[in-house]
Amino acid sequence: LSCEASGSISGLYLMAWYRRAPGLQRDFVANIGSAGDTTYADY
């Protein structure tokens, strides 16, 4: 999967992936900071 951001972005920001299965809540998948630090859901 690919995600592209556009527009004026200032300051520090994270980019993240979430997912939502039918009938279920939105779940965190992973994120990444500007310096490349990552966090993943256990699953």
Full PDB file with SEQRES, HELIX, SHEET, SSBOND, CRYST1, ORIGX, SCALE, CONECT and MASTER records, all heavy atoms in Angstrom:
SEQRES   1 A   43  LEU SER CYS GLU ALA SER GLY SER ILE SER GLY LEU TYR          
SEQRES   2 A   43  LEU MET ALA TRP TYR ARG ARG ALA PRO GLY LEU GLN ARG          
SEQRES   3 A   43  ASP PHE VAL ALA ASN ILE GLY SER ALA GLY ASP THR THR          
SEQRES   4 A   43  TYR ALA ASP TYR                                              
SHEET    1 AA1 3 MET A  15  ARG A  20  0                                        
SHEET    2 AA1 3 ARG A  26  ILE A  32 -1                                        
SHEET    3 AA1 3 THR A  38  TYR A  40 -1                                        
CRYST1    1.000    1.000    1.000  90.00  90.00  90.00 P 1           1          
ORIGX1      1.000000  0.000000  0.000000        0.00000                         
ORIGX2      0.000000  1.000000  0.000000        0.00000                         
ORIGX3      0.000000  0.000000  1.000000        0.00000                         
SCALE1      1.000000  0.000000  0.000000        0.00000                         
SCALE2      0.000000  1.000000  0.000000        0.00000                         
SCALE3      0.000000  0.000000  1.000000        0.00000                         
ATOM      1  N   LEU A   1       0.830  -1.181   0.000  1.00  0.00           N  
ATOM      2  CA  LEU A   1       0.000   0.000   0.000  1.00  0.00           C  
ATOM      3  C   LEU A   1       0.872   1.241   0.000  1.00  0.00           C  
ATOM      4  O   LEU A   1       1.962   1.249   0.571  1.00  0.00           O  
ATOM      5  CB  LEU A   1      -0.922   0.027   1.223  1.00  0.00           C  
ATOM      6  CG  LEU A   1      -1.786  -1.209   1.466  1.00  0.00           C  
ATOM      7  CD1 LEU A   1      -2.676  -0.979   2.684  1.00  0.00           C  
ATOM      8  CD2 LEU A   1      -2.611  -1.545   0.238  1.00  0.00           C  
ATOM      9  N   SER A   2       0.373   2.282  -0.630  1.00  0.00           N  
ATOM     10  CA  SER A   2       1.099   3.530  -0.686  1.00  0.00           C  
ATOM     11  C   SER A   2       0.179   4.664  -0.282  1.00  0.00           C  
ATOM     12  O   SER A   2      -1.025   4.642  -0.554  1.00  0.00           O  
ATOM     13  CB  SER A   2       1.656   3.776  -2.090  1.00  0.00           C  
ATOM     14  OG  SER A   2       2.438   4.955  -2.134  1.00  0.00           O  
ATOM     15  N   CYS A   3       0.748   5.652   0.350  1.00  0.00           N  
ATOM     16  CA  CYS A   3       0.012   6.831   0.801  1.00  0.00           C  
ATOM     17  C   CYS A   3       0.831   8.060   0.451  1.00  0.00           C  
ATOM     18  O   CYS A   3       2.023   8.132   0.770  1.00  0.00           O  
ATOM     19  CB  CYS A   3      -0.237   6.748   2.303  1.00  0.00           C  
ATOM     20  SG  CYS A   3      -0.906   8.250   3.048  1.00  0.00           S  
ATOM     21  N   GLU A   4       0.190   9.010  -0.192  1.00  0.00           N  
ATOM     22  CA  GLU A   4       0.861  10.253  -0.549  1.00  0.00           C  
ATOM     23  C   GLU A   4       0.150  11.431   0.103  1.00  0.00           C  
ATOM     24  O   GLU A   4      -1.070  11.559  -0.008  1.00  0.00           O  
ATOM     25  CB  GLU A   4       0.911  10.446  -2.061  1.00  0.00           C  
ATOM     26  CG  GLU A   4       1.646  11.712  -2.478  1.00  0.00           C  
ATOM     27  CD  GLU A   4       1.815  11.833  -3.971  1.00  0.00           C  
ATOM     28  OE1 GLU A   4       1.351  10.946  -4.703  1.00  0.00           O  
ATOM     29  OE2 GLU A   4       2.435  12.824  -4.417  1.00  0.00           O  
ATOM     30  N   ALA A   5       0.921  12.252   0.757  1.00  0.00           N  
ATOM     31  CA  ALA A   5       0.393  13.465   1.370  1.00  0.00           C  
ATOM     32  C   ALA A   5       0.751  14.667   0.518  1.00  0.00           C  
ATOM     33  O   ALA A   5       1.849  14.748  -0.036  1.00  0.00           O  
ATOM     34  CB  ALA A   5       0.943  13.643   2.780  1.00  0.00           C  
ATOM     35  N   SER A   6      -0.169  15.591   0.426  1.00  0.00           N  
ATOM     36  CA  SER A   6       0.067  16.816  -0.321  1.00  0.00           C  
ATOM     37  C   SER A   6      -0.411  18.007   0.491  1.00  0.00           C  
ATOM     38  O   SER A   6      -1.202  17.868   1.423  1.00  0.00           O  
ATOM     39  CB  SER A   6      -0.639  16.778  -1.677  1.00  0.00           C  
ATOM     40  OG  SER A   6      -2.046  16.671  -1.521  1.00  0.00           O  
ATOM     41  N   GLY A   7       0.065  19.171   0.117  1.00  0.00           N  
ATOM     42  CA  GLY A   7      -0.269  20.375   0.843  1.00  0.00           C  
ATOM     43  C   GLY A   7       0.885  20.824   1.715  1.00  0.00           C  
ATOM     44  O   GLY A   7       1.952  20.206   1.747  1.00  0.00           O  
ATOM     45  N   SER A   8       0.665  21.888   2.424  1.00  0.00           N  
ATOM     46  CA  SER A   8       1.689  22.470   3.272  1.00  0.00           C  
ATOM     47  C   SER A   8       1.653  21.813   4.645  1.00  0.00           C  
ATOM     48  O   SER A   8       0.662  21.902   5.362  1.00  0.00           O  
ATOM     49  CB  SER A   8       1.482  23.977   3.395  1.00  0.00           C  
ATOM     50  OG  SER A   8       2.475  24.568   4.200  1.00  0.00           O  
ATOM     51  N   ILE A   9       2.753  21.156   4.992  1.00  0.00           N  
ATOM     52  CA  ILE A   9       2.878  20.482   6.276  1.00  0.00           C  
ATOM     53  C   ILE A   9       4.007  21.141   7.051  1.00  0.00           C  
ATOM     54  O   ILE A   9       5.141  21.212   6.570  1.00  0.00           O  
ATOM     55  CB  ILE A   9       3.162  18.987   6.109  1.00  0.00           C  
ATOM     56  CG1 ILE A   9       2.112  18.339   5.205  1.00  0.00           C  
ATOM     57  CG2 ILE A   9       3.211  18.291   7.462  1.00  0.00           C  
ATOM     58  CD1 ILE A   9       2.451  16.928   4.791  1.00  0.00           C  
ATOM     59  N   SER A  10       3.712  21.599   8.240  1.00  0.00           N  
ATOM     60  CA  SER A  10       4.701  22.267   9.064  1.00  0.00           C  
ATOM     61  C   SER A  10       4.905  21.509  10.368  1.00  0.00           C  
ATOM     62  O   SER A  10       3.982  20.879  10.899  1.00  0.00           O  
ATOM     63  CB  SER A  10       4.287  23.714   9.358  1.00  0.00           C  
ATOM     64  OG  SER A  10       3.065  23.767  10.062  1.00  0.00           O  
ATOM     65  N   GLY A  11       6.114  21.588  10.880  1.00  0.00           N  
ATOM     66  CA  GLY A  11       6.425  20.966  12.147  1.00  0.00           C  
ATOM     67  C   GLY A  11       6.568  19.458  12.042  1.00  0.00           C  
ATOM     68  O   GLY A  11       6.571  18.873  10.956  1.00  0.00           O  
ATOM     69  N   LEU A  12       6.674  18.824  13.189  1.00  0.00           N  
ATOM     70  CA  LEU A  12       6.797  17.374  13.241  1.00  0.00           C  
ATOM     71  C   LEU A  12       5.455  16.717  12.938  1.00  0.00           C  
ATOM     72  O   LEU A  12       4.408  17.231  13.306  1.00  0.00           O  
ATOM     73  CB  LEU A  12       7.282  16.938  14.619  1.00  0.00           C  
ATOM     74  CG  LEU A  12       8.659  17.429  15.045  1.00  0.00           C  
ATOM     75  CD1 LEU A  12       8.942  16.992  16.477  1.00  0.00           C  
ATOM     76  CD2 LEU A  12       9.736  16.911  14.103  1.00  0.00           C  
ATOM     77  N   TYR A  13       5.509  15.590  12.269  1.00  0.00           N  
ATOM     78  CA  TYR A  13       4.283  14.861  11.996  1.00  0.00           C  
ATOM     79  C   TYR A  13       4.577  13.379  11.855  1.00  0.00           C  
ATOM     80  O   TYR A  13       5.676  12.971  11.490  1.00  0.00           O  
ATOM     81  CB  TYR A  13       3.564  15.390  10.753  1.00  0.00           C  
ATOM     82  CG  TYR A  13       4.323  15.220   9.453  1.00  0.00           C  
ATOM     83  CD1 TYR A  13       4.046  14.153   8.606  1.00  0.00           C  
ATOM     84  CD2 TYR A  13       5.295  16.137   9.063  1.00  0.00           C  
ATOM     85  CE1 TYR A  13       4.728  14.004   7.414  1.00  0.00           C  
ATOM     86  CE2 TYR A  13       5.974  15.991   7.874  1.00  0.00           C  
ATOM     87  CZ  TYR A  13       5.688  14.926   7.050  1.00  0.00           C  
ATOM     88  OH  TYR A  13       6.360  14.772   5.862  1.00  0.00           O  
ATOM     89  N   LEU A  14       3.578  12.588  12.174  1.00  0.00           N  
ATOM     90  CA  LEU A  14       3.620  11.155  11.986  1.00  0.00           C  
ATOM     91  C   LEU A  14       2.775  10.780  10.783  1.00  0.00           C  
ATOM     92  O   LEU A  14       1.830  11.476  10.432  1.00  0.00           O  
ATOM     93  CB  LEU A  14       3.071  10.424  13.217  1.00  0.00           C  
ATOM     94  CG  LEU A  14       3.763  10.645  14.560  1.00  0.00           C  
ATOM     95  CD1 LEU A  14       2.982   9.944  15.653  1.00  0.00           C  
ATOM     96  CD2 LEU A  14       5.192  10.136  14.508  1.00  0.00           C  
ATOM     97  N   MET A  15       3.109   9.665  10.176  1.00  0.00           N  
ATOM     98  CA  MET A  15       2.235   9.052   9.198  1.00  0.00           C  
ATOM     99  C   MET A  15       1.925   7.644   9.679  1.00  0.00           C  
ATOM    100  O   MET A  15       2.803   6.950  10.191  1.00  0.00           O  
ATOM    101  CB  MET A  15       2.857   9.047   7.808  1.00  0.00           C  
ATOM    102  CG  MET A  15       3.111  10.460   7.281  1.00  0.00           C  
ATOM    103  SD  MET A  15       3.554  10.528   5.527  1.00  0.00           S  
ATOM    104  CE  MET A  15       1.931  10.249   4.784  1.00  0.00           C  
ATOM    105  N   ALA A  16       0.683   7.250   9.520  1.00  0.00           N  
ATOM    106  CA  ALA A  16       0.224   6.016  10.133  1.00  0.00           C  
ATOM    107  C   ALA A  16      -0.746   5.283   9.224  1.00  0.00           C  
ATOM    108  O   ALA A  16      -1.357   5.869   8.326  1.00  0.00           O  
ATOM    109  CB  ALA A  16      -0.458   6.302  11.476  1.00  0.00           C  
ATOM    110  N   TRP A  17      -0.881   3.992   9.472  1.00  0.00           N  
ATOM    111  CA  TRP A  17      -1.886   3.165   8.834  1.00  0.00           C  
ATOM    112  C   TRP A  17      -2.826   2.612   9.896  1.00  0.00           C  
ATOM    113  O   TRP A  17      -2.381   2.146  10.953  1.00  0.00           O  
ATOM    114  CB  TRP A  17      -1.261   1.999   8.060  1.00  0.00           C  
ATOM    115  CG  TRP A  17      -0.575   2.420   6.802  1.00  0.00           C  
ATOM    116  CD1 TRP A  17       0.749   2.675   6.628  1.00  0.00           C  
ATOM    117  CD2 TRP A  17      -1.193   2.623   5.527  1.00  0.00           C  
ATOM    118  NE1 TRP A  17       1.006   3.026   5.326  1.00  0.00           N  
ATOM    119  CE2 TRP A  17      -0.177   3.001   4.631  1.00  0.00           C  
ATOM    120  CE3 TRP A  17      -2.511   2.519   5.055  1.00  0.00           C  
ATOM    121  CZ2 TRP A  17      -0.433   3.280   3.287  1.00  0.00           C  
ATOM    122  CZ3 TRP A  17      -2.762   2.801   3.727  1.00  0.00           C  
ATOM    123  CH2 TRP A  17      -1.724   3.179   2.859  1.00  0.00           C  
ATOM    124  N   TYR A  18      -4.109   2.682   9.601  1.00  0.00           N  
ATOM    125  CA  TYR A  18      -5.154   2.066  10.394  1.00  0.00           C  
ATOM    126  C   TYR A  18      -5.978   1.175   9.474  1.00  0.00           C  
ATOM    127  O   TYR A  18      -5.919   1.301   8.242  1.00  0.00           O  
ATOM    128  CB  TYR A  18      -6.058   3.115  11.036  1.00  0.00           C  
ATOM    129  CG  TYR A  18      -5.414   3.909  12.157  1.00  0.00           C  
ATOM    130  CD1 TYR A  18      -4.506   4.924  11.886  1.00  0.00           C  
ATOM    131  CD2 TYR A  18      -5.727   3.638  13.481  1.00  0.00           C  
ATOM    132  CE1 TYR A  18      -3.920   5.647  12.901  1.00  0.00           C  
ATOM    133  CE2 TYR A  18      -5.148   4.366  14.507  1.00  0.00           C  
ATOM    134  CZ  TYR A  18      -4.247   5.367  14.208  1.00  0.00           C  
ATOM    135  OH  TYR A  18      -3.674   6.092  15.227  1.00  0.00           O  
ATOM    136  N   ARG A  19      -6.764   0.291  10.067  1.00  0.00           N  
ATOM    137  CA  ARG A  19      -7.646  -0.531   9.260  1.00  0.00           C  
ATOM    138  C   ARG A  19      -8.963  -0.753   9.978  1.00  0.00           C  
ATOM    139  O   ARG A  19      -9.040  -0.713  11.202  1.00  0.00           O  
ATOM    140  CB  ARG A  19      -7.002  -1.876   8.911  1.00  0.00           C  
ATOM    141  CG  ARG A  19      -6.849  -2.850  10.071  1.00  0.00           C  
ATOM    142  CD  ARG A  19      -6.042  -4.065   9.625  1.00  0.00           C  
ATOM    143  NE  ARG A  19      -6.054  -5.127  10.618  1.00  0.00           N  
ATOM    144  CZ  ARG A  19      -5.334  -6.243  10.520  1.00  0.00           C  
ATOM    145  NH1 ARG A  19      -4.543  -6.439   9.460  1.00  0.00           N  
ATOM    146  NH2 ARG A  19      -5.407  -7.153  11.475  1.00  0.00           N  
ATOM    147  N   ARG A  20     -10.006  -0.993   9.177  1.00  0.00           N  
ATOM    148  CA  ARG A  20     -11.331  -1.224   9.711  1.00  0.00           C  
ATOM    149  C   ARG A  20     -11.973  -2.379   8.957  1.00  0.00           C  
ATOM    150  O   ARG A  20     -12.243  -2.275   7.760  1.00  0.00           O  
ATOM    151  CB  ARG A  20     -12.195   0.023   9.601  1.00  0.00           C  
ATOM    152  CG  ARG A  20     -13.529  -0.100  10.320  1.00  0.00           C  
ATOM    153  CD  ARG A  20     -14.358   1.164  10.164  1.00  0.00           C  
ATOM    154  NE  ARG A  20     -15.532   1.134  11.015  1.00  0.00           N  
ATOM    155  CZ  ARG A  20     -15.597   1.679  12.213  1.00  0.00           C  
ATOM    156  NH1 ARG A  20     -14.552   2.321  12.709  1.00  0.00           N  
ATOM    157  NH2 ARG A  20     -16.717   1.590  12.916  1.00  0.00           N  
ATOM    158  N   ALA A  21     -12.197  -3.481   9.663  1.00  0.00           N  
ATOM    159  CA  ALA A  21     -12.886  -4.629   9.089  1.00  0.00           C  
ATOM    160  C   ALA A  21     -14.388  -4.440   9.229  1.00  0.00           C  
ATOM    161  O   ALA A  21     -14.851  -3.711  10.106  1.00  0.00           O  
ATOM    162  CB  ALA A  21     -12.440  -5.911   9.782  1.00  0.00           C  
ATOM    163  N   PRO A  22     -15.177  -5.096   8.372  1.00  0.00           N  
ATOM    164  CA  PRO A  22     -16.629  -4.937   8.457  1.00  0.00           C  
ATOM    165  C   PRO A  22     -17.169  -5.286   9.831  1.00  0.00           C  
ATOM    166  O   PRO A  22     -16.873  -6.347  10.382  1.00  0.00           O  
ATOM    167  CB  PRO A  22     -17.148  -5.911   7.393  1.00  0.00           C  
ATOM    168  CG  PRO A  22     -16.026  -6.029   6.419  1.00  0.00           C  
ATOM    169  CD  PRO A  22     -14.780  -5.952   7.247  1.00  0.00           C  
ATOM    170  N   GLY A  23     -17.938  -4.383  10.402  1.00  0.00           N  
ATOM    171  CA  GLY A  23     -18.557  -4.608  11.694  1.00  0.00           C  
ATOM    172  C   GLY A  23     -17.649  -4.419  12.888  1.00  0.00           C  
ATOM    173  O   GLY A  23     -18.092  -4.620  14.024  1.00  0.00           O  
ATOM    174  N   LEU A  24     -16.400  -4.051  12.667  1.00  0.00           N  
ATOM    175  CA  LEU A  24     -15.445  -3.898  13.750  1.00  0.00           C  
ATOM    176  C   LEU A  24     -14.951  -2.462  13.839  1.00  0.00           C  
ATOM    177  O   LEU A  24     -15.142  -1.657  12.935  1.00  0.00           O  
ATOM    178  CB  LEU A  24     -14.256  -4.845  13.554  1.00  0.00           C  
ATOM    179  CG  LEU A  24     -14.585  -6.332  13.480  1.00  0.00           C  
ATOM    180  CD1 LEU A  24     -13.322  -7.144  13.218  1.00  0.00           C  
ATOM    181  CD2 LEU A  24     -15.265  -6.792  14.762  1.00  0.00           C  
ATOM    182  N   GLN A  25     -14.302  -2.159  14.940  1.00  0.00           N  
ATOM    183  CA  GLN A  25     -13.770  -0.818  15.133  1.00  0.00           C  
ATOM    184  C   GLN A  25     -12.493  -0.620  14.328  1.00  0.00           C  
ATOM    185  O   GLN A  25     -11.865  -1.574  13.870  1.00  0.00           O  
ATOM    186  CB  GLN A  25     -13.505  -0.557  16.619  1.00  0.00           C  
ATOM    187  CG  GLN A  25     -12.385  -1.389  17.209  1.00  0.00           C  
ATOM    188  CD  GLN A  25     -12.154  -1.100  18.677  1.00  0.00           C  
ATOM    189  OE1 GLN A  25     -13.100  -0.856  19.429  1.00  0.00           O  
ATOM    190  NE2 GLN A  25     -10.901  -1.114  19.104  1.00  0.00           N  
ATOM    191  N   ARG A  26     -12.131   0.616  14.170  1.00  0.00           N  
ATOM    192  CA  ARG A  26     -10.885   0.955  13.503  1.00  0.00           C  
ATOM    193  C   ARG A  26      -9.706   0.589  14.392  1.00  0.00           C  
ATOM    194  O   ARG A  26      -9.675   0.941  15.577  1.00  0.00           O  
ATOM    195  CB  ARG A  26     -10.874   2.450  13.172  1.00  0.00           C  
ATOM    196  CG  ARG A  26      -9.639   2.920  12.414  1.00  0.00           C  
ATOM    197  CD  ARG A  26      -9.684   4.428  12.248  1.00  0.00           C  
ATOM    198  NE  ARG A  26      -9.659   5.099  13.533  1.00  0.00           N  
ATOM    199  CZ  ARG A  26     -10.030   6.354  13.735  1.00  0.00           C  
ATOM    200  NH1 ARG A  26     -10.468   7.086  12.710  1.00  0.00           N  
ATOM    201  NH2 ARG A  26      -9.960   6.891  14.945  1.00  0.00           N  
ATOM    202  N   ASP A  27      -8.735  -0.102  13.825  1.00  0.00           N  
ATOM    203  CA  ASP A  27      -7.575  -0.567  14.574  1.00  0.00           C  
ATOM    204  C   ASP A  27      -6.298   0.065  14.047  1.00  0.00           C  
ATOM    205  O   ASP A  27      -6.125   0.258  12.840  1.00  0.00           O  
ATOM    206  CB  ASP A  27      -7.435  -2.088  14.487  1.00  0.00           C  
ATOM    207  CG  ASP A  27      -8.538  -2.825  15.211  1.00  0.00           C  
ATOM    208  OD1 ASP A  27      -8.975  -2.353  16.276  1.00  0.00           O  
ATOM    209  OD2 ASP A  27      -8.959  -3.889  14.708  1.00  0.00           O  
ATOM    210  N   PHE A  28      -5.404   0.335  14.956  1.00  0.00           N  
ATOM    211  CA  PHE A  28      -4.074   0.811  14.601  1.00  0.00           C  
ATOM    212  C   PHE A  28      -3.269  -0.313  13.970  1.00  0.00           C  
ATOM    213  O   PHE A  28      -3.306  -1.454  14.424  1.00  0.00           O  
ATOM    214  CB  PHE A  28      -3.372   1.334  15.855  1.00  0.00           C  
ATOM    215  CG  PHE A  28      -1.911   1.621  15.666  1.00  0.00           C  
ATOM    216  CD1 PHE A  28      -1.493   2.782  15.029  1.00  0.00           C  
ATOM    217  CD2 PHE A  28      -0.953   0.733  16.115  1.00  0.00           C  
ATOM    218  CE1 PHE A  28      -0.149   3.060  14.857  1.00  0.00           C  
ATOM    219  CE2 PHE A  28       0.392   0.997  15.946  1.00  0.00           C  
ATOM    220  CZ  PHE A  28       0.790   2.162  15.313  1.00  0.00           C  
ATOM    221  N   VAL A  29      -2.513   0.011  12.930  1.00  0.00           N  
ATOM    222  CA  VAL A  29      -1.655  -0.950  12.257  1.00  0.00           C  
ATOM    223  C   VAL A  29      -0.181  -0.620  12.480  1.00  0.00           C  
ATOM    224  O   VAL A  29       0.586  -1.442  12.978  1.00  0.00           O  
ATOM    225  CB  VAL A  29      -1.952  -1.026  10.749  1.00  0.00           C  
ATOM    226  CG1 VAL A  29      -0.986  -1.983  10.053  1.00  0.00           C  
ATOM    227  CG2 VAL A  29      -3.396  -1.460  10.513  1.00  0.00           C  
ATOM    228  N   ALA A  30       0.224   0.584  12.098  1.00  0.00           N  
ATOM    229  CA  ALA A  30       1.623   0.980  12.214  1.00  0.00           C  
ATOM    230  C   ALA A  30       1.740   2.480  12.027  1.00  0.00           C  
ATOM    231  O   ALA A  30       0.877   3.105  11.412  1.00  0.00           O  
ATOM    232  CB  ALA A  30       2.491   0.260  11.174  1.00  0.00           C  
ATOM    233  N   ASN A  31       2.808   3.045  12.551  1.00  0.00           N  
ATOM    234  CA  ASN A  31       3.109   4.436  12.244  1.00  0.00           C  
ATOM    235  C   ASN A  31       4.610   4.621  12.107  1.00  0.00           C  
ATOM    236  O   ASN A  31       5.406   3.750  12.469  1.00  0.00           O  
ATOM    237  CB  ASN A  31       2.494   5.419  13.250  1.00  0.00           C  
ATOM    238  CG  ASN A  31       3.102   5.361  14.642  1.00  0.00           C  
ATOM    239  OD1 ASN A  31       4.245   4.940  14.846  1.00  0.00           O  
ATOM    240  ND2 ASN A  31       2.334   5.807  15.631  1.00  0.00           N  
ATOM    241  N   ILE A  32       4.977   5.772  11.572  1.00  0.00           N  
ATOM    242  CA  ILE A  32       6.381   6.092  11.361  1.00  0.00           C  
ATOM    243  C   ILE A  32       6.569   7.584  11.526  1.00  0.00           C  
ATOM    244  O   ILE A  32       5.774   8.393  11.029  1.00  0.00           O  
ATOM    245  CB  ILE A  32       6.867   5.594   9.982  1.00  0.00           C  
ATOM    246  CG1 ILE A  32       8.369   5.814   9.816  1.00  0.00           C  
ATOM    247  CG2 ILE A  32       6.078   6.244   8.849  1.00  0.00           C  
ATOM    248  CD1 ILE A  32       8.955   5.051   8.634  1.00  0.00           C  
ATOM    249  N   GLY A  33       7.611   7.969  12.240  1.00  0.00           N  
ATOM    250  CA  GLY A  33       7.920   9.359  12.463  1.00  0.00           C  
ATOM    251  C   GLY A  33       8.836   9.915  11.396  1.00  0.00           C  
ATOM    252  O   GLY A  33       9.305   9.215  10.498  1.00  0.00           O  
ATOM    253  N   SER A  34       9.100  11.202  11.508  1.00  0.00           N  
ATOM    254  CA  SER A  34       9.925  11.880  10.512  1.00  0.00           C  
ATOM    255  C   SER A  34      11.336  11.308  10.446  1.00  0.00           C  
ATOM    256  O   SER A  34      11.953  11.308   9.377  1.00  0.00           O  
ATOM    257  CB  SER A  34       9.991  13.378  10.825  1.00  0.00           C  
ATOM    258  OG  SER A  34       8.711  13.978  10.740  1.00  0.00           O  
ATOM    259  N   ALA A  35      11.844  10.841  11.569  1.00  0.00           N  
ATOM    260  CA  ALA A  35      13.187  10.275  11.623  1.00  0.00           C  
ATOM    261  C   ALA A  35      13.222   8.798  11.277  1.00  0.00           C  
ATOM    262  O   ALA A  35      14.304   8.202  11.296  1.00  0.00           O  
ATOM    263  CB  ALA A  35      13.790  10.500  13.008  1.00  0.00           C  
ATOM    264  N   GLY A  36      12.087   8.208  10.976  1.00  0.00           N  
ATOM    265  CA  GLY A  36      12.037   6.814  10.595  1.00  0.00           C  
ATOM    266  C   GLY A  36      11.741   5.848  11.718  1.00  0.00           C  
ATOM    267  O   GLY A  36      11.769   4.630  11.494  1.00  0.00           O  
ATOM    268  N   ASP A  37      11.467   6.341  12.906  1.00  0.00           N  
ATOM    269  CA  ASP A  37      11.105   5.475  14.012  1.00  0.00           C  
ATOM    270  C   ASP A  37       9.719   4.884  13.777  1.00  0.00           C  
ATOM    271  O   ASP A  37       8.798   5.587  13.371  1.00  0.00           O  
ATOM    272  CB  ASP A  37      11.147   6.242  15.335  1.00  0.00           C  
ATOM    273  CG  ASP A  37      10.421   7.574  15.264  1.00  0.00           C  
ATOM    274  OD1 ASP A  37      10.770   8.397  14.379  1.00  0.00           O  
ATOM    275  OD2 ASP A  37       9.518   7.814  16.087  1.00  0.00           O  
ATOM    276  N   THR A  38       9.573   3.594  14.048  1.00  0.00           N  
ATOM    277  CA  THR A  38       8.350   2.879  13.705  1.00  0.00           C  
ATOM    278  C   THR A  38       7.711   2.236  14.922  1.00  0.00           C  
ATOM    279  O   THR A  38       8.381   1.892  15.897  1.00  0.00           O  
ATOM    280  CB  THR A  38       8.624   1.793  12.657  1.00  0.00           C  
ATOM    281  OG1 THR A  38       9.593   0.870  13.169  1.00  0.00           O  
ATOM    282  CG2 THR A  38       9.152   2.405  11.376  1.00  0.00           C  
ATOM    283  N   THR A  39       6.405   2.060  14.829  1.00  0.00           N  
ATOM    284  CA  THR A  39       5.628   1.342  15.820  1.00  0.00           C  
ATOM    285  C   THR A  39       4.648   0.440  15.088  1.00  0.00           C  
ATOM    286  O   THR A  39       4.032   0.858  14.108  1.00  0.00           O  
ATOM    287  CB  THR A  39       4.861   2.302  16.745  1.00  0.00           C  
ATOM    288  OG1 THR A  39       5.781   3.168  17.408  1.00  0.00           O  
ATOM    289  CG2 THR A  39       4.065   1.526  17.791  1.00  0.00           C  
ATOM    290  N   TYR A  40       4.498  -0.800  15.566  1.00  0.00           N  
ATOM    291  CA  TYR A  40       3.613  -1.769  14.935  1.00  0.00           C  
ATOM    292  C   TYR A  40       2.634  -2.346  15.936  1.00  0.00           C  
ATOM    293  O   TYR A  40       2.964  -2.547  17.107  1.00  0.00           O  
ATOM    294  CB  TYR A  40       4.403  -2.931  14.331  1.00  0.00           C  
ATOM    295  CG  TYR A  40       5.294  -2.546  13.179  1.00  0.00           C  
ATOM    296  CD1 TYR A  40       6.636  -2.251  13.383  1.00  0.00           C  
ATOM    297  CD2 TYR A  40       4.799  -2.496  11.882  1.00  0.00           C  
ATOM    298  CE1 TYR A  40       7.452  -1.906  12.325  1.00  0.00           C  
ATOM    299  CE2 TYR A  40       5.606  -2.148  10.822  1.00  0.00           C  
ATOM    300  CZ  TYR A  40       6.938  -1.856  11.044  1.00  0.00           C  
ATOM    301  OH  TYR A  40       7.745  -1.516   9.989  1.00  0.00           O  
ATOM    302  N   ALA A  41       1.439  -2.631  15.455  1.00  0.00           N  
ATOM    303  CA  ALA A  41       0.514  -3.433  16.230  1.00  0.00           C  
ATOM    304  C   ALA A  41       1.050  -4.858  16.329  1.00  0.00           C  
ATOM    305  O   ALA A  41       1.715  -5.353  15.411  1.00  0.00           O  
ATOM    306  CB  ALA A  41      -0.868  -3.439  15.576  1.00  0.00           C  
ATOM    307  N   ASP A  42       0.751  -5.519  17.441  1.00  0.00           N  
ATOM    308  CA  ASP A  42       1.286  -6.860  17.660  1.00  0.00           C  
ATOM    309  C   ASP A  42       0.875  -7.836  16.561  1.00  0.00           C  
ATOM    310  O   ASP A  42       1.655  -8.724  16.188  1.00  0.00           O  
ATOM    311  CB  ASP A  42       0.836  -7.391  19.020  1.00  0.00           C  
ATOM    312  CG  ASP A  42       1.529  -6.706  20.178  1.00  0.00           C  
ATOM    313  OD1 ASP A  42       2.586  -6.082  19.965  1.00  0.00           O  
ATOM    314  OD2 ASP A  42       1.017  -6.805  21.304  1.00  0.00           O  
ATOM    315  N   TYR A  43      -0.323  -7.689  16.044  1.00  0.00           N  
ATOM    316  CA  TYR A  43      -0.830  -8.677  15.100  1.00  0.00           C  
ATOM    317  C   TYR A  43      -0.232  -8.554  13.704  1.00  0.00           C  
ATOM    318  O   TYR A  43      -0.455  -9.416  12.851  1.00  0.00           O  
ATOM    319  CB  TYR A  43      -2.368  -8.623  15.034  1.00  0.00           C  
ATOM    320  CG  TYR A  43      -2.951  -7.284  14.663  1.00  0.00           C  
ATOM    321  CD1 TYR A  43      -3.109  -6.915  13.334  1.00  0.00           C  
ATOM    322  CD2 TYR A  43      -3.368  -6.394  15.652  1.00  0.00           C  
ATOM    323  CE1 TYR A  43      -3.656  -5.688  12.998  1.00  0.00           C  
ATOM    324  CE2 TYR A  43      -3.912  -5.166  15.316  1.00  0.00           C  
ATOM    325  CZ  TYR A  43      -4.056  -4.818  13.992  1.00  0.00           C  
ATOM    326  OH  TYR A  43      -4.609  -3.599  13.655  1.00  0.00           O  
TER     327      TYR A  43                                                      
MASTER        0    0    0    0    3    0    0    6  326    1    0    4          
END                                                                             
